Amino acid sequence: MERITPGPATDASPPAPGTSLPDGPDGTDTVPAPVFAGLLEGMPRQRGGTAPAPAPAEGPSVPADVSPSAPAATRPSAPGPRPWRLLPTPAATPFTFAYAAVLAVTSLFASLADPGLMHTLYQGSSTDVVHLVSAPVPVLLGSALWIAGGVLSPYAVTFLLVLTALERRIGGARAACVFLAGHALATLATEIPVGLAVLFGHLPATSLHRLDYGISFGVATSVGALAGLLRPWLRWPVLVLMGGALLNDLFAFQDPMTNWGHLIALGLGVAGWPLVRRWRRPA
């Protein structure tokens, strides 16, 4: 079948709606050929010679504020190191911040007060056998208000870093439970053998009044608990360094009972790994 295509219709346009078409010689309506040039017969709803626009090709979506050609400096990047998070803040770590403030006040008072007065205060809050038998709770809490060696001692610095990191991971109330549990259990683990040794005559009665105070047991327990929340490449060096320092103090044999207490406290923290891992906050 031969199809005849008329020439380009540049000036013609379809008649407006409602316009009557002229009659042909046989009485039927006729339309000039250029009007419907390019249309197919018998196909309804056709528009003259206009092809549909191609659909845009799909590609990776780009945020409106970042173009693919934008320089790297304007693109969002991951947050860099934030060293200030190593220290406590009132909003993020309220327990560590408040406790550190109390220890700073008591350390300042200890540095300015009369030595005789301080000895009386230390003796009154000492976790020795006599005080543990008569008033265990007040003496355990009172002994944790002092830092042996002052605010610049290694245990004071370790307290700030370790308690801050632990509280950020498990929360303030749970970090306080870890610290106080280590402080109390390690104290009992060292003082009960002293009381039994005095009872069976292996130590003199003066050992019942042995001066013992400070935060070192709680700090050692917190170090052990925090190690369980760290990645392996950091966990084992922390344990090796802390354990090595405590063993070195034990071999020096200056205060064997206290040094054994530090190792016991570190072991208590390690034993609490299953618990603190359940307490871990979402990242």
Protein backbone atom coordinates (compact mmCIF):
# COMPACT_ATOMS: atom_id res chain seq x y z
CA MET A 1 0.00 0.00 0.00
CA GLU A 2 1.42 3.34 -1.01
CA ARG A 3 1.43 6.16 1.52
CA ILE A 4 1.70 9.74 0.36
CA THR A 5 3.21 12.16 2.89
CA PRO A 6 2.47 15.83 2.32
CA GLY A 7 5.18 18.44 2.66
CA PRO A 8 5.99 20.21 5.89
CA ALA A 9 3.19 22.25 7.33
CA THR A 10 4.80 25.23 8.88
CA ASP A 11 2.01 27.76 8.74
CA ALA A 12 -0.99 25.49 9.21
CA SER A 13 -2.47 24.59 12.56
CA PRO A 14 -5.41 22.43 13.63
CA PRO A 15 -8.77 24.21 13.66
CA ALA A 16 -10.00 25.53 16.93
CA PRO A 17 -12.62 23.51 18.82
CA GLY A 18 -16.14 24.19 17.59
CA THR A 19 -15.03 25.46 14.15
CA SER A 20 -17.10 24.00 11.31
CA LEU A 21 -15.25 22.35 8.55
CA PRO A 22 -16.02 23.03 4.87
CA ASP A 23 -18.05 20.55 2.91
CA GLY A 24 -16.52 18.55 0.16
CA PRO A 25 -18.11 17.98 -3.20
CA ASP A 26 -19.91 14.91 -1.95
CA GLY A 27 -21.33 16.69 1.12
CA THR A 28 -18.80 15.40 3.68
CA ASP A 29 -16.57 17.53 5.85
CA THR A 30 -13.10 17.99 4.50
CA VAL A 31 -9.89 19.26 6.12
CA PRO A 32 -6.87 20.58 4.29
CA ALA A 33 -4.11 18.00 4.22
CA PRO A 34 -1.51 20.16 5.95
CA VAL A 35 -3.68 20.40 9.04
CA PHE A 36 -3.36 16.73 9.95
CA ALA A 37 -0.01 16.07 8.41
CA GLY A 38 1.97 13.56 10.40
CA LEU A 39 -1.08 11.97 12.08
CA LEU A 40 -2.14 8.37 11.64
CA GLU A 41 -5.61 7.54 10.43
CA GLY A 42 -7.86 5.70 12.82
CA MET A 43 -5.75 6.54 15.98
CA PRO A 44 -7.68 8.75 18.44
CA ARG A 45 -6.30 11.55 20.66
CA GLN A 46 -3.24 12.30 18.56
CA ARG A 47 -1.40 15.61 18.63
CA GLY A 48 0.20 16.83 15.53
CA GLY A 49 3.86 15.92 15.13
CA THR A 50 4.90 16.32 18.80
CA ALA A 51 7.01 13.50 20.23
CA PRO A 52 6.98 12.84 24.00
CA ALA A 53 10.01 14.11 25.88
CA PRO A 54 12.36 11.33 26.94
CA ALA A 55 12.33 10.41 30.63
CA PRO A 56 15.40 11.60 32.52
CA ALA A 57 17.96 8.92 33.18
CA GLU A 58 18.08 7.72 36.75
CA GLY A 59 21.31 8.10 38.63
CA PRO A 60 22.62 8.36 42.19
CA SER A 61 20.77 10.99 44.15
CA VAL A 62 22.80 14.01 45.19
CA PRO A 63 21.77 16.19 48.14
CA ALA A 64 20.47 19.59 47.13
CA ASP A 65 23.19 21.39 49.04
CA VAL A 66 26.07 19.28 47.71
CA SER A 67 26.84 19.05 44.01
CA PRO A 68 29.08 16.35 42.51
CA SER A 69 31.50 18.98 41.33
CA ALA A 70 31.64 20.78 44.67
CA PRO A 71 35.08 20.94 46.27
CA ALA A 72 35.85 18.48 49.06
CA ALA A 73 36.05 21.27 51.62
CA THR A 74 32.32 22.02 51.24
CA ARG A 75 31.14 18.42 51.55
CA PRO A 76 30.02 17.08 54.96
CA SER A 77 32.67 15.03 56.71
CA ALA A 78 32.85 12.80 59.77
CA PRO A 79 33.54 14.56 63.09
CA GLY A 80 37.20 14.69 63.99
CA PRO A 81 38.83 13.94 67.35
CA ARG A 82 37.15 15.60 70.30
CA PRO A 83 39.67 15.53 73.18
CA TRP A 84 37.40 17.50 75.50
CA ARG A 85 35.19 14.40 75.79
CA LEU A 86 37.93 12.81 77.91
CA LEU A 87 36.99 15.13 80.79
CA PRO A 88 33.72 15.19 82.76
CA THR A 89 30.98 17.72 82.08
CA PRO A 90 27.84 18.51 84.10
CA ALA A 91 25.49 17.47 81.27
CA ALA A 92 27.18 14.36 79.87
CA THR A 93 28.78 12.89 83.02
CA PRO A 94 27.07 14.40 86.07
CA PHE A 95 28.25 11.74 88.54
CA THR A 96 31.93 12.04 87.64
CA PHE A 97 31.74 15.83 87.46
CA ALA A 98 30.06 16.18 90.87
CA TYR A 99 32.33 13.60 92.53
CA ALA A 100 35.43 15.26 91.08
CA ALA A 101 34.26 18.61 92.43
CA VAL A 102 33.86 17.11 95.92
CA LEU A 103 37.31 15.51 95.76
CA ALA A 104 38.82 18.82 94.63
CA VAL A 105 37.29 20.57 97.65
CA THR A 106 38.45 17.92 100.14
CA SER A 107 41.94 17.87 98.61
CA LEU A 108 42.20 21.66 98.84
CA PHE A 109 41.05 21.51 102.45
CA ALA A 110 43.58 18.78 103.24
CA SER A 111 46.42 20.88 101.78
CA LEU A 112 45.49 23.93 103.85
CA ALA A 113 44.31 22.40 107.15
CA ASP A 114 46.47 21.61 110.17
CA PRO A 115 48.23 18.21 109.87
CA GLY A 116 46.95 17.15 113.29
CA LEU A 117 43.37 17.88 112.27
CA MET A 118 43.81 15.97 109.05
CA HIS A 119 45.19 12.94 110.86
CA THR A 120 42.11 12.94 113.07
CA LEU A 121 39.82 13.16 110.04
CA TYR A 122 41.68 10.41 108.23
CA GLN A 123 41.55 8.19 111.28
CA GLY A 124 37.83 8.83 111.73
CA SER A 125 37.05 7.83 108.14
CA SER A 126 39.54 4.95 107.96
CA THR A 127 38.13 1.63 106.80
CA ASP A 128 39.90 -0.37 109.49
CA VAL A 129 38.42 -3.40 111.22
CA VAL A 130 37.11 -1.48 114.24
CA HIS A 131 35.22 1.09 112.14
CA LEU A 132 33.89 -1.53 109.74
CA VAL A 133 32.43 -3.49 112.64
CA SER A 134 30.88 -0.47 114.36
CA ALA A 135 29.73 1.73 111.44
CA PRO A 136 30.41 0.09 108.06
CA VAL A 137 28.30 2.30 105.76
CA PRO A 138 29.38 5.74 107.06
CA VAL A 139 33.04 4.79 107.12
CA LEU A 140 32.97 3.32 103.61
CA LEU A 141 31.41 6.50 102.27
CA GLY A 142 33.65 8.77 104.32
CA SER A 143 36.85 7.05 103.23
CA ALA A 144 35.93 7.68 99.57
CA LEU A 145 36.04 11.47 100.13
CA TRP A 146 39.84 11.64 100.26
CA ILE A 147 42.60 11.11 97.74
CA ALA A 148 45.75 9.58 99.16
CA GLY A 149 48.55 11.69 97.73
CA GLY A 150 46.44 14.70 96.84
CA VAL A 151 44.67 15.92 93.74
CA LEU A 152 47.80 15.55 91.58
CA SER A 153 48.36 11.88 92.40
CA PRO A 154 48.19 9.25 89.61
CA TYR A 155 44.95 7.90 91.02
CA ALA A 156 43.32 11.34 90.79
CA VAL A 157 44.19 11.65 87.09
CA THR A 158 43.12 8.06 86.43
CA PHE A 159 39.86 8.73 88.26
CA LEU A 160 38.97 11.61 85.91
CA LEU A 161 39.77 9.78 82.69
CA VAL A 162 38.41 6.35 83.61
CA LEU A 163 35.20 7.41 85.36
CA THR A 164 34.38 9.83 82.54
CA ALA A 165 34.81 7.13 79.90
CA LEU A 166 32.89 4.57 81.95
CA GLU A 167 29.97 6.91 82.66
CA ARG A 168 29.66 7.87 78.99
CA ARG A 169 29.25 4.17 78.15
CA ILE A 170 26.96 2.88 80.91
CA GLY A 171 25.45 5.95 82.57
CA GLY A 172 26.04 7.76 85.85
CA ALA A 173 24.08 5.54 88.24
CA ARG A 174 25.70 2.35 86.96
CA ALA A 175 29.17 3.88 86.95
CA ALA A 176 28.60 4.87 90.58
CA CYS A 177 27.56 1.28 91.38
CA VAL A 178 30.74 -0.08 89.80
CA PHE A 179 32.95 2.36 91.67
CA LEU A 180 31.31 1.95 95.08
CA ALA A 181 31.01 -1.84 94.76
CA GLY A 182 34.73 -2.12 94.01
CA HIS A 183 35.57 0.26 96.84
CA ALA A 184 33.50 -1.70 99.36
CA LEU A 185 34.26 -5.27 98.26
CA ALA A 186 38.01 -4.75 97.93
CA THR A 187 38.06 -3.09 101.36
CA LEU A 188 36.26 -6.02 102.93
CA ALA A 189 38.54 -8.48 101.11
CA THR A 190 41.59 -6.90 102.73
CA GLU A 191 40.25 -6.05 106.18
CA ILE A 192 38.49 -9.32 106.98
CA PRO A 193 41.76 -11.31 106.74
CA VAL A 194 43.39 -8.73 109.03
CA GLY A 195 40.65 -9.22 111.62
CA LEU A 196 40.97 -13.00 111.40
CA ALA A 197 44.76 -12.81 111.69
CA VAL A 198 44.45 -10.70 114.85
CA LEU A 199 41.84 -13.10 116.22
CA PHE A 200 44.16 -16.09 115.78
CA GLY A 201 47.21 -14.25 117.08
CA HIS A 202 49.11 -13.84 113.81
CA LEU A 203 48.97 -10.01 113.92
CA PRO A 204 49.07 -7.57 116.84
CA ALA A 205 45.92 -5.84 118.06
CA THR A 206 47.16 -2.51 116.65
CA SER A 207 46.41 -3.86 113.16
CA LEU A 208 42.72 -3.42 113.94
CA HIS A 209 43.27 0.35 113.67
CA ARG A 210 45.27 0.28 110.46
CA LEU A 211 44.88 3.60 108.58
CA ASP A 212 43.14 2.98 105.26
CA TYR A 213 41.29 5.57 103.16
CA GLY A 214 41.10 6.87 99.60
CA ILE A 215 39.56 6.16 96.20
CA SER A 216 42.18 3.79 94.80
CA PHE A 217 40.08 0.59 95.15
CA GLY A 218 37.15 2.14 93.30
CA VAL A 219 39.44 3.47 90.58
CA ALA A 220 41.08 0.07 90.05
CA THR A 221 37.67 -1.60 89.76
CA SER A 222 36.54 1.04 87.25
CA VAL A 223 39.65 0.46 85.14
CA GLY A 224 38.93 -3.28 85.02
CA ALA A 225 35.26 -2.69 84.13
CA LEU A 226 36.08 -0.11 81.44
CA ALA A 227 38.58 -2.46 79.79
CA GLY A 228 35.72 -4.84 79.01
CA LEU A 229 34.01 -2.11 76.96
CA LEU A 230 37.06 -1.19 74.89
CA ARG A 231 38.21 -2.68 71.62
CA PRO A 232 40.78 -5.50 71.97
CA TRP A 233 43.66 -3.39 70.61
CA LEU A 234 43.13 -0.99 73.54
CA ARG A 235 41.68 -3.35 76.15
CA TRP A 236 44.73 -5.56 76.67
CA PRO A 237 47.35 -2.77 76.82
CA VAL A 238 45.23 -1.03 79.49
CA LEU A 239 45.02 -4.20 81.57
CA VAL A 240 48.73 -4.98 81.13
CA LEU A 241 49.80 -1.47 82.14
CA MET A 242 47.47 -1.30 85.14
CA GLY A 243 48.25 -4.84 86.30
CA GLY A 244 51.98 -4.29 85.87
CA ALA A 245 51.91 -1.11 87.96
CA LEU A 246 49.96 -2.85 90.75
CA LEU A 247 52.26 -5.85 90.74
CA ASN A 248 55.26 -3.55 90.95
CA ASP A 249 53.77 -1.92 94.05
CA LEU A 250 53.11 -5.35 95.54
CA PHE A 251 56.70 -6.49 94.97
CA ALA A 252 57.93 -3.30 96.66
CA PHE A 253 56.21 -4.68 99.82
CA GLN A 254 55.57 -1.25 101.31
CA ASP A 255 51.88 -1.89 102.08
CA PRO A 256 51.08 -5.48 101.08
CA MET A 257 47.45 -5.48 102.24
CA THR A 258 46.56 -2.34 100.30
CA ASN A 259 48.45 -3.54 97.23
CA TRP A 260 46.64 -6.86 97.32
CA GLY A 261 43.43 -4.86 97.58
CA HIS A 262 44.28 -3.02 94.36
CA LEU A 263 44.77 -6.29 92.48
CA ILE A 264 41.54 -7.67 93.94
CA ALA A 265 39.70 -4.50 92.86
CA LEU A 266 41.06 -4.80 89.32
CA GLY A 267 39.93 -8.43 89.23
CA LEU A 268 36.45 -7.40 90.41
CA GLY A 269 36.18 -5.02 87.48
CA VAL A 270 37.20 -7.73 85.02
CA ALA A 271 34.71 -10.14 86.59
CA GLY A 272 31.96 -7.60 85.95
CA TRP A 273 32.44 -7.57 82.16
CA PRO A 274 29.21 -9.49 81.40
CA LEU A 275 27.22 -7.02 83.48
CA VAL A 276 28.73 -3.79 82.16
CA ARG A 277 28.43 -5.06 78.58
CA ARG A 278 24.69 -5.50 79.12
CA TRP A 279 24.58 -1.98 80.54
CA ARG A 280 26.36 -0.47 77.54
CA ARG A 281 24.48 2.44 75.99
CA PRO A 282 23.79 2.53 72.25
CA ALA A 283 26.54 4.29 70.34
